[in-house]
């Protein structure tokens, strides 16, 4: 795996356009965990929606051209995981919780404990 310094990058390539700043942060973390350099652009352009073309307003993640293949594999794994995970999980107490919650908001039971029952 090639470790790069941002100053060594000759050319950046757009990899992904995130739905919002939370997804951008999540994907950025996944890429960094995979030793891929990443730049995020457009975080502050949401206020310009309607004034600029839609493609220019979104939050974009850019990676060095030489790491694009590795980054694309990470993005593909992320997108596959999104397709297979339900949006919510049901606790044994009956409450629905968003997938990002590790504990039930109502009874504070751990999600993994609910799955094992």
N, C-alpha and C. Protein backbone atom coordinates (compact mmCIF):
# COMPACT_ATOMS: atom_id res chain seq x y z
N UNK A 1 0.84 -1.17 0.00
CA UNK A 1 0.00 0.00 0.00
C UNK A 1 0.89 1.24 0.00
N UNK A 2 0.66 2.11 -0.91
CA UNK A 2 1.50 3.28 -1.09
C UNK A 2 1.04 4.41 -0.17
N UNK A 3 1.94 4.84 0.71
CA UNK A 3 1.63 5.96 1.59
C UNK A 3 2.06 7.25 0.92
N UNK A 4 1.16 8.19 0.86
CA UNK A 4 1.41 9.45 0.19
C UNK A 4 1.29 10.61 1.15
N UNK A 5 1.98 11.66 0.84
CA UNK A 5 1.84 12.93 1.54
C UNK A 5 1.08 13.85 0.59
N UNK A 6 0.15 14.68 1.09
CA UNK A 6 -0.61 15.55 0.18
C UNK A 6 0.26 16.39 -0.75
N UNK A 7 1.45 16.77 -0.30
CA UNK A 7 2.34 17.57 -1.16
C UNK A 7 2.91 16.77 -2.32
N UNK A 8 2.88 15.43 -2.22
CA UNK A 8 3.41 14.57 -3.27
C UNK A 8 2.39 14.27 -4.37
N UNK A 9 1.15 14.67 -4.16
CA UNK A 9 0.09 14.33 -5.11
C UNK A 9 0.12 15.30 -6.28
N UNK A 10 0.24 14.74 -7.47
CA UNK A 10 0.25 15.55 -8.69
C UNK A 10 -1.17 15.84 -9.16
N UNK A 11 -2.04 14.82 -9.09
CA UNK A 11 -3.38 14.98 -9.63
C UNK A 11 -4.41 14.29 -8.73
N UNK A 12 -5.48 15.02 -8.41
CA UNK A 12 -6.58 14.50 -7.61
C UNK A 12 -7.72 14.14 -8.54
N UNK A 13 -8.45 13.08 -8.18
CA UNK A 13 -9.57 12.62 -9.00
C UNK A 13 -10.82 12.54 -8.13
N UNK A 14 -11.95 13.02 -8.67
CA UNK A 14 -13.19 12.97 -7.89
C UNK A 14 -13.66 11.53 -7.79
N UNK A 15 -13.94 11.10 -6.56
CA UNK A 15 -14.33 9.73 -6.29
C UNK A 15 -15.82 9.60 -6.01
N UNK A 16 -16.38 10.53 -5.22
CA UNK A 16 -17.72 10.32 -4.68
C UNK A 16 -18.36 11.65 -4.33
N UNK A 17 -19.66 11.73 -4.53
CA UNK A 17 -20.42 12.90 -4.07
C UNK A 17 -21.34 12.43 -2.96
N UNK A 18 -21.14 12.97 -1.77
CA UNK A 18 -21.89 12.56 -0.59
C UNK A 18 -23.26 13.24 -0.56
N UNK A 19 -24.20 12.57 0.09
CA UNK A 19 -25.55 13.11 0.21
C UNK A 19 -25.60 14.28 1.18
N UNK A 20 -24.72 14.27 2.18
CA UNK A 20 -24.69 15.33 3.19
C UNK A 20 -23.34 15.29 3.91
N UNK A 21 -23.16 16.21 4.84
CA UNK A 21 -21.87 16.30 5.53
C UNK A 21 -21.61 15.09 6.43
N UNK A 22 -22.66 14.48 6.95
CA UNK A 22 -22.47 13.29 7.79
C UNK A 22 -21.94 12.13 6.96
N UNK A 23 -22.53 11.92 5.78
CA UNK A 23 -22.03 10.84 4.92
C UNK A 23 -20.62 11.15 4.45
N UNK A 24 -20.34 12.40 4.15
CA UNK A 24 -18.99 12.78 3.71
C UNK A 24 -17.97 12.43 4.79
N UNK A 25 -18.29 12.74 6.03
CA UNK A 25 -17.39 12.41 7.14
C UNK A 25 -17.20 10.92 7.31
N UNK A 26 -18.29 10.17 7.16
CA UNK A 26 -18.22 8.72 7.27
C UNK A 26 -17.33 8.13 6.18
N UNK A 27 -17.57 8.53 4.94
CA UNK A 27 -16.79 8.01 3.82
C UNK A 27 -15.33 8.45 3.93
N UNK A 28 -15.11 9.68 4.36
CA UNK A 28 -13.74 10.16 4.56
C UNK A 28 -13.02 9.27 5.57
N UNK A 29 -13.69 8.93 6.66
CA UNK A 29 -13.09 8.05 7.67
C UNK A 29 -12.78 6.67 7.13
N UNK A 30 -13.70 6.12 6.33
CA UNK A 30 -13.45 4.80 5.73
C UNK A 30 -12.22 4.82 4.83
N UNK A 31 -12.12 5.88 4.03
CA UNK A 31 -10.97 5.99 3.13
C UNK A 31 -9.67 6.16 3.91
N UNK A 32 -9.68 7.00 4.93
CA UNK A 32 -8.48 7.20 5.73
C UNK A 32 -8.08 5.92 6.45
N UNK A 33 -9.08 5.17 6.92
CA UNK A 33 -8.79 3.89 7.57
C UNK A 33 -8.13 2.92 6.58
N UNK A 34 -8.46 3.05 5.31
CA UNK A 34 -7.85 2.23 4.26
C UNK A 34 -6.57 2.82 3.72
N UNK A 35 -5.99 3.80 4.42
CA UNK A 35 -4.73 4.45 4.05
C UNK A 35 -4.81 5.21 2.73
N UNK A 36 -5.99 5.74 2.42
CA UNK A 36 -6.18 6.54 1.21
C UNK A 36 -6.28 8.00 1.63
N UNK A 37 -5.48 8.84 0.99
CA UNK A 37 -5.59 10.28 1.21
C UNK A 37 -6.91 10.75 0.63
N UNK A 38 -7.53 11.71 1.27
CA UNK A 38 -8.81 12.20 0.77
C UNK A 38 -8.93 13.69 1.04
N UNK A 39 -9.51 14.39 0.08
CA UNK A 39 -9.85 15.80 0.24
C UNK A 39 -11.35 15.94 0.09
N UNK A 40 -11.93 16.77 0.92
CA UNK A 40 -13.36 17.02 0.86
C UNK A 40 -13.55 18.45 0.38
N UNK A 41 -14.44 18.62 -0.59
CA UNK A 41 -14.73 19.97 -1.08
C UNK A 41 -16.23 20.17 -1.15
N UNK A 42 -16.64 21.42 -1.05
CA UNK A 42 -18.04 21.76 -1.19
C UNK A 42 -18.85 21.74 0.09
N UNK A 43 -18.19 21.58 1.25
CA UNK A 43 -18.93 21.51 2.51
C UNK A 43 -19.74 22.77 2.78
N UNK A 44 -19.27 23.88 2.29
CA UNK A 44 -19.88 25.16 2.64
C UNK A 44 -20.68 25.77 1.49
N UNK A 45 -20.98 24.97 0.47
CA UNK A 45 -21.69 25.50 -0.69
C UNK A 45 -23.19 25.25 -0.66
N UNK A 46 -23.71 24.61 0.37
CA UNK A 46 -25.15 24.30 0.42
C UNK A 46 -25.99 25.57 0.30
N UNK A 47 -25.51 26.66 0.83
CA UNK A 47 -26.25 27.92 0.75
C UNK A 47 -26.33 28.47 -0.66
N UNK A 48 -25.52 27.96 -1.55
CA UNK A 48 -25.51 28.44 -2.94
C UNK A 48 -26.42 27.60 -3.84
N UNK A 49 -27.14 26.64 -3.25
CA UNK A 49 -28.05 25.82 -4.05
C UNK A 49 -29.06 26.73 -4.74
N UNK A 50 -29.24 26.51 -6.01
CA UNK A 50 -30.13 27.35 -6.80
C UNK A 50 -29.39 28.43 -7.55
N UNK A 51 -28.22 28.80 -7.04
CA UNK A 51 -27.39 29.81 -7.70
C UNK A 51 -26.30 29.17 -8.56
N UNK A 52 -25.86 28.00 -8.13
CA UNK A 52 -24.82 27.26 -8.84
C UNK A 52 -25.41 25.96 -9.39
N UNK A 53 -24.79 25.36 -10.39
CA UNK A 53 -25.26 24.06 -10.87
C UNK A 53 -25.23 23.02 -9.75
N UNK A 54 -26.21 22.12 -9.76
CA UNK A 54 -26.36 21.12 -8.70
C UNK A 54 -25.10 20.30 -8.49
N UNK A 55 -24.40 19.94 -9.57
CA UNK A 55 -23.17 19.14 -9.45
C UNK A 55 -22.06 19.91 -8.74
N UNK A 56 -22.12 21.22 -8.73
CA UNK A 56 -21.08 22.03 -8.09
C UNK A 56 -21.36 22.29 -6.62
N UNK A 57 -22.58 22.02 -6.18
CA UNK A 57 -22.98 22.35 -4.81
C UNK A 57 -22.78 21.18 -3.85
N UNK A 58 -22.74 19.96 -4.35
CA UNK A 58 -22.62 18.80 -3.49
C UNK A 58 -21.26 18.68 -2.82
N UNK A 59 -21.22 17.88 -1.78
CA UNK A 59 -19.96 17.62 -1.07
C UNK A 59 -19.24 16.50 -1.81
N UNK A 60 -18.06 16.79 -2.29
CA UNK A 60 -17.31 15.85 -3.11
C UNK A 60 -16.06 15.38 -2.38
N UNK A 61 -15.75 14.10 -2.58
CA UNK A 61 -14.53 13.53 -2.02
C UNK A 61 -13.58 13.23 -3.17
N UNK A 62 -12.36 13.71 -3.02
CA UNK A 62 -11.31 13.58 -4.03
C UNK A 62 -10.17 12.76 -3.46
N UNK A 63 -9.57 11.92 -4.31
CA UNK A 63 -8.44 11.09 -3.90
C UNK A 63 -7.32 11.22 -4.93
N UNK A 64 -6.09 10.92 -4.52
CA UNK A 64 -4.99 10.95 -5.50
C UNK A 64 -5.25 9.94 -6.61
N UNK A 65 -4.90 10.32 -7.81
CA UNK A 65 -5.14 9.45 -8.96
C UNK A 65 -4.51 8.07 -8.76
N UNK A 66 -3.32 8.02 -8.15
CA UNK A 66 -2.65 6.74 -7.97
C UNK A 66 -3.31 5.86 -6.91
N UNK A 67 -4.23 6.40 -6.11
CA UNK A 67 -4.95 5.61 -5.12
C UNK A 67 -6.41 5.40 -5.50
N UNK A 68 -6.79 5.81 -6.69
CA UNK A 68 -8.20 5.76 -7.08
C UNK A 68 -8.76 4.33 -7.05
N UNK A 69 -8.02 3.35 -7.51
CA UNK A 69 -8.51 1.96 -7.54
C UNK A 69 -8.80 1.46 -6.13
N UNK A 70 -7.89 1.70 -5.20
CA UNK A 70 -8.10 1.29 -3.81
C UNK A 70 -9.30 2.00 -3.22
N UNK A 71 -9.40 3.28 -3.50
CA UNK A 71 -10.52 4.07 -2.98
C UNK A 71 -11.85 3.59 -3.55
N UNK A 72 -11.86 3.24 -4.82
CA UNK A 72 -13.09 2.76 -5.47
C UNK A 72 -13.55 1.45 -4.83
N UNK A 73 -12.62 0.57 -4.47
CA UNK A 73 -12.98 -0.68 -3.80
C UNK A 73 -13.64 -0.39 -2.45
N UNK A 74 -13.10 0.57 -1.72
CA UNK A 74 -13.67 0.94 -0.41
C UNK A 74 -15.07 1.50 -0.59
N UNK A 75 -15.26 2.36 -1.58
CA UNK A 75 -16.59 2.93 -1.85
C UNK A 75 -17.57 1.83 -2.25
N UNK A 76 -17.15 0.91 -3.08
CA UNK A 76 -18.04 -0.18 -3.50
C UNK A 76 -18.47 -1.03 -2.32
N UNK A 77 -17.55 -1.32 -1.39
CA UNK A 77 -17.90 -2.07 -0.18
C UNK A 77 -18.91 -1.30 0.66
N UNK A 78 -18.68 0.00 0.79
CA UNK A 78 -19.60 0.86 1.55
C UNK A 78 -21.00 0.83 0.93
N UNK A 79 -21.09 0.98 -0.38
CA UNK A 79 -22.38 1.00 -1.06
C UNK A 79 -23.09 -0.35 -0.97
N UNK A 80 -22.34 -1.45 -1.05
CA UNK A 80 -22.93 -2.78 -0.90
C UNK A 80 -23.49 -2.97 0.50
N UNK A 81 -22.75 -2.49 1.48
CA UNK A 81 -23.21 -2.61 2.87
C UNK A 81 -24.50 -1.81 3.07
N UNK A 82 -24.60 -0.65 2.47
CA UNK A 82 -25.81 0.16 2.58
C UNK A 82 -27.03 -0.56 2.01
N UNK A 83 -26.83 -1.28 0.92
CA UNK A 83 -27.94 -1.99 0.28
C UNK A 83 -28.43 -3.17 1.12
N UNK A 84 -27.55 -3.77 1.90
CA UNK A 84 -27.92 -4.97 2.64
C UNK A 84 -28.37 -4.71 4.07
N UNK A 85 -28.12 -3.53 4.58
CA UNK A 85 -28.52 -3.22 5.95
C UNK A 85 -29.90 -2.58 5.96
N UNK A 86 -30.77 -3.05 6.85
CA UNK A 86 -32.06 -2.37 6.98
C UNK A 86 -31.85 -0.97 7.56
N UNK A 87 -32.75 -0.07 7.26
CA UNK A 87 -32.64 1.30 7.75
C UNK A 87 -32.84 1.37 9.26
N UNK A 88 -33.57 0.40 9.81
CA UNK A 88 -33.84 0.39 11.24
C UNK A 88 -33.73 -1.03 11.78
N UNK A 89 -33.55 -1.14 13.09
CA UNK A 89 -33.59 -2.44 13.75
C UNK A 89 -34.58 -2.35 14.90
N UNK A 90 -35.21 -3.50 15.20
CA UNK A 90 -36.21 -3.52 16.25
C UNK A 90 -35.64 -4.17 17.50
N UNK A 91 -35.76 -3.46 18.59
CA UNK A 91 -35.28 -3.94 19.88
C UNK A 91 -36.27 -4.97 20.43
N UNK A 92 -35.81 -5.79 21.37
CA UNK A 92 -36.70 -6.77 21.99
C UNK A 92 -37.81 -6.10 22.79
N UNK A 93 -37.64 -4.80 23.14
CA UNK A 93 -38.72 -4.07 23.83
C UNK A 93 -39.79 -3.60 22.84
N UNK A 94 -39.52 -3.77 21.53
CA UNK A 94 -40.50 -3.42 20.52
C UNK A 94 -40.24 -2.11 19.80
N UNK A 95 -39.32 -1.31 20.30
CA UNK A 95 -39.04 0.00 19.68
C UNK A 95 -38.17 -0.15 18.44
N UNK A 96 -38.43 0.71 17.45
CA UNK A 96 -37.59 0.79 16.25
C UNK A 96 -36.49 1.81 16.48
N UNK A 97 -35.29 1.46 16.05
CA UNK A 97 -34.12 2.32 16.20
C UNK A 97 -33.43 2.46 14.86
N UNK A 98 -32.85 3.63 14.60
CA UNK A 98 -32.08 3.81 13.38
C UNK A 98 -30.85 2.91 13.42
N UNK A 99 -30.41 2.48 12.26
CA UNK A 99 -29.29 1.56 12.14
C UNK A 99 -28.03 2.10 12.82
N UNK A 100 -27.86 3.41 12.83
CA UNK A 100 -26.66 4.00 13.42
C UNK A 100 -26.66 3.94 14.95
N UNK A 101 -27.81 3.63 15.56
CA UNK A 101 -27.88 3.54 17.02
C UNK A 101 -27.33 2.19 17.47
N UNK A 102 -26.40 2.19 18.41
CA UNK A 102 -25.86 0.95 18.94
C UNK A 102 -26.64 0.45 20.14
N UNK A 103 -27.43 1.34 20.73
CA UNK A 103 -28.29 0.96 21.85
C UNK A 103 -29.69 1.49 21.58
N UNK A 104 -30.68 0.83 22.14
CA UNK A 104 -32.07 1.25 21.98
C UNK A 104 -32.28 2.58 22.69
N UNK A 105 -32.94 3.50 22.01
CA UNK A 105 -33.17 4.82 22.60
C UNK A 105 -34.18 4.74 23.74
N UNK A 106 -34.99 3.68 23.77
CA UNK A 106 -36.05 3.58 24.77
C UNK A 106 -35.60 2.84 26.04
N UNK A 107 -35.00 1.65 25.86
CA UNK A 107 -34.65 0.84 27.04
C UNK A 107 -33.15 0.71 27.26
N UNK A 108 -32.34 1.25 26.36
CA UNK A 108 -30.88 1.25 26.45
C UNK A 108 -30.25 -0.14 26.31
N UNK A 109 -30.99 -1.08 25.72
CA UNK A 109 -30.41 -2.40 25.46
C UNK A 109 -29.49 -2.32 24.25
N UNK A 110 -28.37 -3.05 24.32
CA UNK A 110 -27.40 -3.08 23.24
C UNK A 110 -27.98 -3.78 22.00
N UNK A 111 -27.70 -3.23 20.83
CA UNK A 111 -28.21 -3.79 19.57
C UNK A 111 -27.75 -5.24 19.39
N UNK A 112 -26.50 -5.54 19.72
CA UNK A 112 -25.97 -6.89 19.55
C UNK A 112 -26.67 -7.89 20.46
N UNK A 113 -27.07 -7.45 21.66
CA UNK A 113 -27.80 -8.34 22.57
C UNK A 113 -29.17 -8.66 22.00
N UNK A 114 -29.79 -7.70 21.36
CA UNK A 114 -31.11 -7.91 20.76
C UNK A 114 -31.01 -8.91 19.62
N UNK A 115 -29.95 -8.83 18.81
CA UNK A 115 -29.77 -9.75 17.68
C UNK A 115 -29.55 -11.18 18.14
N UNK A 116 -28.91 -11.36 19.31
CA UNK A 116 -28.59 -12.71 19.77
C UNK A 116 -29.77 -13.40 20.44
N UNK A 117 -30.84 -12.68 20.69
CA UNK A 117 -32.00 -13.28 21.36
C UNK A 117 -32.92 -13.96 20.39
